[in-house]
N, C-alpha and C. Protein backbone atom coordinates (compact mmCIF):
# COMPACT_ATOMS: atom_id res chain seq x y z
N MET A 1 20.62 -27.30 -94.42
CA MET A 1 20.26 -25.96 -94.86
C MET A 1 21.31 -25.47 -95.86
N GLN A 2 20.84 -24.94 -96.97
CA GLN A 2 21.74 -24.39 -97.96
C GLN A 2 22.26 -23.03 -97.49
N PHE A 3 23.46 -22.70 -97.91
CA PHE A 3 23.99 -21.38 -97.63
C PHE A 3 24.97 -20.99 -98.72
N TYR A 4 25.27 -19.70 -98.78
CA TYR A 4 26.14 -19.17 -99.81
C TYR A 4 27.05 -18.13 -99.17
N GLU A 5 28.35 -18.32 -99.30
CA GLU A 5 29.33 -17.37 -98.78
C GLU A 5 29.55 -16.25 -99.79
N TYR A 6 29.53 -15.01 -99.31
CA TYR A 6 29.71 -13.87 -100.21
C TYR A 6 30.32 -12.70 -99.45
N LYS A 7 31.52 -12.30 -99.82
CA LYS A 7 32.21 -11.13 -99.26
C LYS A 7 32.25 -11.13 -97.73
N GLY A 8 32.50 -12.27 -97.14
CA GLY A 8 32.61 -12.35 -95.69
C GLY A 8 31.28 -12.55 -94.98
N PHE A 9 30.20 -12.62 -95.71
CA PHE A 9 28.86 -12.86 -95.16
C PHE A 9 28.41 -14.26 -95.57
N THR A 10 27.45 -14.78 -94.84
CA THR A 10 26.82 -16.04 -95.22
C THR A 10 25.34 -15.76 -95.45
N ILE A 11 24.87 -16.14 -96.63
CA ILE A 11 23.46 -15.95 -97.00
C ILE A 11 22.76 -17.29 -96.86
N TYR A 12 21.68 -17.30 -96.10
CA TYR A 12 20.86 -18.50 -95.93
C TYR A 12 19.50 -18.25 -96.59
N PRO A 13 19.27 -18.81 -97.77
CA PRO A 13 17.97 -18.62 -98.42
C PRO A 13 16.91 -19.50 -97.75
N THR A 14 15.80 -18.89 -97.37
CA THR A 14 14.70 -19.63 -96.75
C THR A 14 13.38 -19.14 -97.35
N PRO A 15 13.14 -19.44 -98.63
CA PRO A 15 11.92 -18.95 -99.27
C PRO A 15 10.66 -19.42 -98.53
N ARG A 16 9.65 -18.55 -98.54
CA ARG A 16 8.38 -18.85 -97.86
C ARG A 16 7.30 -19.14 -98.89
N LEU A 17 6.49 -20.12 -98.59
CA LEU A 17 5.36 -20.46 -99.46
C LEU A 17 4.15 -19.64 -99.05
N SER A 18 3.59 -18.91 -100.00
CA SER A 18 2.36 -18.16 -99.76
C SER A 18 1.18 -19.09 -100.02
N ILE A 19 0.43 -19.36 -98.99
CA ILE A 19 -0.71 -20.27 -99.13
C ILE A 19 -1.80 -19.64 -99.99
N GLU A 20 -1.96 -18.32 -99.88
CA GLU A 20 -3.00 -17.65 -100.65
C GLU A 20 -2.77 -17.75 -102.16
N SER A 21 -1.52 -17.59 -102.58
CA SER A 21 -1.24 -17.56 -104.02
C SER A 21 -0.49 -18.80 -104.51
N ASP A 22 -0.14 -19.70 -103.61
CA ASP A 22 0.60 -20.92 -103.94
C ASP A 22 1.89 -20.59 -104.70
N THR A 23 2.56 -19.54 -104.26
CA THR A 23 3.84 -19.15 -104.84
C THR A 23 4.86 -18.99 -103.72
N TRP A 24 6.11 -18.97 -104.12
CA TRP A 24 7.21 -18.84 -103.16
C TRP A 24 7.72 -17.41 -103.13
N MET A 25 7.99 -16.89 -101.93
CA MET A 25 8.45 -15.51 -101.76
C MET A 25 9.86 -15.47 -101.18
N ILE A 26 10.54 -14.37 -101.43
CA ILE A 26 11.91 -14.18 -100.94
C ILE A 26 11.93 -14.02 -99.43
N ASN A 27 12.75 -14.82 -98.80
CA ASN A 27 13.01 -14.72 -97.37
C ASN A 27 14.43 -15.26 -97.17
N LEU A 28 15.26 -14.52 -96.45
CA LEU A 28 16.64 -14.96 -96.27
C LEU A 28 17.23 -14.39 -95.00
N THR A 29 18.29 -15.01 -94.57
CA THR A 29 19.05 -14.54 -93.41
C THR A 29 20.47 -14.27 -93.88
N ILE A 30 21.01 -13.16 -93.42
CA ILE A 30 22.42 -12.85 -93.69
C ILE A 30 23.14 -12.83 -92.36
N ARG A 31 24.25 -13.54 -92.31
CA ARG A 31 25.03 -13.65 -91.08
C ARG A 31 26.46 -13.21 -91.34
N ARG A 32 27.02 -12.55 -90.34
CA ARG A 32 28.45 -12.24 -90.34
C ARG A 32 28.93 -12.47 -88.92
N GLY A 33 29.76 -13.48 -88.75
CA GLY A 33 30.18 -13.86 -87.40
C GLY A 33 28.98 -14.34 -86.61
N THR A 34 28.75 -13.70 -85.47
CA THR A 34 27.61 -14.08 -84.63
C THR A 34 26.39 -13.19 -84.86
N LYS A 35 26.54 -12.18 -85.71
CA LYS A 35 25.43 -11.25 -85.97
C LYS A 35 24.59 -11.74 -87.14
N VAL A 36 23.28 -11.63 -86.97
CA VAL A 36 22.34 -12.18 -87.95
C VAL A 36 21.24 -11.16 -88.23
N LYS A 37 20.79 -11.12 -89.48
CA LYS A 37 19.68 -10.24 -89.83
C LYS A 37 18.81 -10.95 -90.88
N VAL A 38 17.50 -10.84 -90.72
CA VAL A 38 16.54 -11.48 -91.62
C VAL A 38 15.98 -10.43 -92.58
N PHE A 39 15.82 -10.83 -93.83
CA PHE A 39 15.27 -9.96 -94.87
C PHE A 39 14.17 -10.71 -95.62
N SER A 40 13.23 -9.96 -96.16
CA SER A 40 12.20 -10.57 -97.00
C SER A 40 11.75 -9.56 -98.04
N ALA A 41 11.09 -10.07 -99.06
CA ALA A 41 10.55 -9.23 -100.12
C ALA A 41 9.32 -9.95 -100.68
N PRO A 42 8.37 -9.19 -101.21
CA PRO A 42 7.13 -9.80 -101.68
C PRO A 42 7.21 -10.44 -103.07
N ASN A 43 8.38 -10.46 -103.68
CA ASN A 43 8.51 -11.07 -105.00
C ASN A 43 8.04 -12.52 -104.96
N CYS A 44 7.30 -12.95 -105.98
CA CYS A 44 6.72 -14.30 -106.00
C CYS A 44 7.28 -15.12 -107.16
N PHE A 45 7.47 -16.42 -106.88
CA PHE A 45 8.02 -17.34 -107.87
C PHE A 45 7.24 -18.65 -107.82
N LYS A 46 7.17 -19.33 -108.95
CA LYS A 46 6.37 -20.56 -109.04
C LYS A 46 7.00 -21.74 -108.31
N THR A 47 8.33 -21.79 -108.26
CA THR A 47 8.98 -22.94 -107.63
C THR A 47 9.88 -22.50 -106.48
N LYS A 48 10.10 -23.42 -105.56
CA LYS A 48 11.00 -23.14 -104.45
C LYS A 48 12.43 -22.93 -104.94
N GLY A 49 12.83 -23.70 -105.95
CA GLY A 49 14.17 -23.56 -106.50
C GLY A 49 14.41 -22.18 -107.09
N GLU A 50 13.43 -21.70 -107.82
CA GLU A 50 13.53 -20.36 -108.42
C GLU A 50 13.60 -19.30 -107.32
N ALA A 51 12.78 -19.46 -106.30
CA ALA A 51 12.79 -18.50 -105.18
C ALA A 51 14.12 -18.55 -104.43
N THR A 52 14.68 -19.74 -104.26
CA THR A 52 15.97 -19.88 -103.59
C THR A 52 17.05 -19.13 -104.36
N PHE A 53 17.07 -19.30 -105.67
CA PHE A 53 18.02 -18.58 -106.52
C PHE A 53 17.89 -17.07 -106.31
N HIS A 54 16.67 -16.57 -106.29
CA HIS A 54 16.45 -15.14 -106.14
C HIS A 54 16.74 -14.66 -104.71
N CYS A 55 16.58 -15.52 -103.72
CA CYS A 55 16.97 -15.17 -102.35
C CYS A 55 18.47 -14.89 -102.30
N ILE A 56 19.25 -15.75 -102.93
CA ILE A 56 20.71 -15.57 -102.94
C ILE A 56 21.08 -14.30 -103.70
N SER A 57 20.47 -14.09 -104.84
CA SER A 57 20.73 -12.89 -105.64
C SER A 57 20.36 -11.63 -104.86
N PHE A 58 19.21 -11.66 -104.21
CA PHE A 58 18.74 -10.53 -103.40
C PHE A 58 19.72 -10.26 -102.26
N GLY A 59 20.17 -11.33 -101.61
CA GLY A 59 21.13 -11.19 -100.52
C GLY A 59 22.43 -10.55 -100.97
N LYS A 60 22.92 -10.96 -102.13
CA LYS A 60 24.15 -10.37 -102.67
C LYS A 60 23.96 -8.88 -102.94
N LYS A 61 22.80 -8.53 -103.47
CA LYS A 61 22.52 -7.11 -103.75
C LYS A 61 22.41 -6.30 -102.45
N ILE A 62 21.86 -6.90 -101.42
CA ILE A 62 21.80 -6.22 -100.12
C ILE A 62 23.21 -5.97 -99.60
N ILE A 63 24.04 -6.99 -99.65
CA ILE A 63 25.43 -6.86 -99.19
C ILE A 63 26.17 -5.79 -99.99
N ASP A 64 25.90 -5.72 -101.28
CA ASP A 64 26.55 -4.74 -102.14
C ASP A 64 25.89 -3.36 -102.07
N ALA A 65 24.91 -3.20 -101.18
CA ALA A 65 24.19 -1.93 -100.98
C ALA A 65 23.53 -1.44 -102.27
N GLU A 66 22.95 -2.36 -103.02
CA GLU A 66 22.29 -2.01 -104.28
C GLU A 66 20.78 -1.87 -104.15
N ILE A 67 20.23 -2.17 -102.97
CA ILE A 67 18.78 -2.10 -102.79
C ILE A 67 18.46 -1.09 -101.70
N TYR A 68 17.79 -0.03 -102.09
CA TYR A 68 17.44 1.04 -101.15
C TYR A 68 16.57 0.49 -100.01
N GLY A 69 16.92 0.87 -98.80
CA GLY A 69 16.14 0.48 -97.64
C GLY A 69 16.59 -0.82 -96.98
N TYR A 70 17.52 -1.51 -97.59
CA TYR A 70 18.05 -2.75 -97.03
C TYR A 70 19.54 -2.57 -96.78
N THR A 71 20.01 -2.91 -95.58
CA THR A 71 21.42 -2.71 -95.27
C THR A 71 21.94 -3.81 -94.34
N THR A 72 23.22 -4.03 -94.45
CA THR A 72 23.89 -4.95 -93.53
C THR A 72 24.83 -4.18 -92.60
N ASN A 73 24.75 -2.87 -92.61
CA ASN A 73 25.66 -2.06 -91.79
C ASN A 73 25.59 -2.41 -90.31
N ASP A 74 24.43 -2.81 -89.83
CA ASP A 74 24.30 -3.11 -88.40
C ASP A 74 24.80 -4.50 -88.02
N ILE A 75 25.26 -5.28 -88.99
CA ILE A 75 25.84 -6.58 -88.65
C ILE A 75 27.31 -6.67 -89.05
N LEU A 76 27.91 -5.53 -89.33
CA LEU A 76 29.34 -5.52 -89.69
C LEU A 76 30.20 -5.73 -88.47
């Protein structure tokens, strides 16, 4: 499993394949120590690699509190 360390958190990108549209969607897990939280977004991408890249980018933005409605405060 791929992972990315960022500011004391570990981001695990796990893009999901949408069978209806044959596209990949953002799905990721952010972990800090033993605490874990799963996030997803409906953004769609043609390839798994592209979706993985955006999962990591999305995770970094969540950690940096740049996306309204998504927070890691409960896993600090």
